[in-house]
Amino acid sequence: MPALTLREVLDLDPVRAAEPELLAGESALDRPVRWVHSSEVYEGANFLDGGELLLTNGFGLMDADEETRRRYVREVAARGAAGLAVEIGRSLPSMPPEVTDEARRLGLPLLAMRRVVPFVRITEAANRAIVARGLSGRSVLRPWGDDHTAALLADLADRAALNQPEVEARSALAGFHPGPGARLIGVSLHGTREVGAVDRAVRLLGGAGSLRAAFPGDVLALLALPDTRAGDPIRAVQDAFRTAAEPGLTVAVGHAVAGGSGWLRWSDTLRAARTTLELALTVPAAEPGVPDGPLVTSARALALERELTRGGVDANRDRLAHLVQHTLGPLLAWEAAHPSDLVRTLEVHLRHGCSPTRTAALLHIGRQSLYQRLERIESLLGLEIDDPDLLGELLAGACAHRVVRGMGAGEVRGLRTVA
């Protein structure tokens, strides 16, 4: 299908509402329009790549001399613009005759917009139509062929060069219409090539929308929970996947972001889910998982692990090893000579507010055995582990120890994320 033409752009409702009058370039109305931009300065021509319809309120032309105005039109034409549309009536009372003359000489379509319509309405409508036309008429050149949903999710996870109108148009083509009050949550699954677990979780969530696609090695999804749903959205999504996902799957849930917060935030939650999945597959869990069930975790549950490995696990290897030795050196030396589980005991204890009851239950040991371990830890480290000044450093050291242990496992077979 051919690209959207300038003639078709002029037929869009927001453009027609501006009452455009064609002053030049009548023979070029079938030019393809690649994008619609707006600029309030005459230097805006420098930012064109070709094929754009440029909108301007004429402010930069108002006090310019005749030669400057002609040069501006020449620069717009030289950049390969599909056309120039100038708002008449506010900054610029009428179209300067030299602008019209130069546009006619060059064959550049020149439009006088006689009524004031916010440019954002025109650009959004036009660019959505451009994206919709392009996607409906081509195959996406990605490994997943013409699956537009997969292509969009991959672009968001890759943080490809996108813009909000494009993302909204592509989402609409995929049937994804999150309202401005919806909460969006990225999810990444490993261990399946099917999207069935996502669909089952969506049904359990009731009223949630989704974009989901299977990639080689994992599944990526963006869920939209309606604003009418009360409670913690992350917890709700985790609970749904604990029920919906098959045993052996690993599920990572990203942050909750507002549906109207822009595509970069959509990208953030997908990327958080992806990096969390990678950590869940490479770093030993801090606590025992549910027997015979899926491993379901979240970006906030692995917030410390993600922060410690910011920039990549390999890039932080030496720093983490130093942190571990500095905080836990005596414990590691003891464990090397005596069979024990002191480091893990310390981390579980710290993660649960130093509660002996909760720690003993999670480690499946009696309280007396726990007290003996804690006394041994304090003796070896020469400190009190419930000292508030030490909690952060000790927990970071214990977490870093798990991360370092996970480094030795090497690359997880079969894990291929989309970014």
Foldseek 3Di string as FASTA:
>chain_A
DDFDFQLNLCVDVLNVVLVKDWLFQPVLRRQHAQAEEEDAALVVLVVAQARYEYEYQCLNVLPDDLVVLLVSLVSNVVNHYSAYEYEDDDNHPDDPVSNSVSCRVSSHTYIYRDHDDPVVVSRLVVHLSRLLVVLVPDWDPDPVTSPLLVVLLLCLLVVPPDFFSNNCSSCVVVVHDADQAWWKKKKKKFDDQDCQLVVQLDVVLPPKDKRKHGDQGMIIMIITRHNVDDDDPLVSSLVSSQVRPFFPMEMEMFDIDGPNPTSNVVSRNNNLNLVVSQCPLQFDDLFDDDPRTYHYYYSVVCVLVCVQQPVHLVVNQVVLVVLLCVQPVLVVVVCVVDPDDLLSLLLLCLVVLNDLVRSCVRVVHDSVVSVVSLVVRCVRRVHHCNPVVCSVSSNSNSRSVRSNVSVVVPGDPRDDDSD
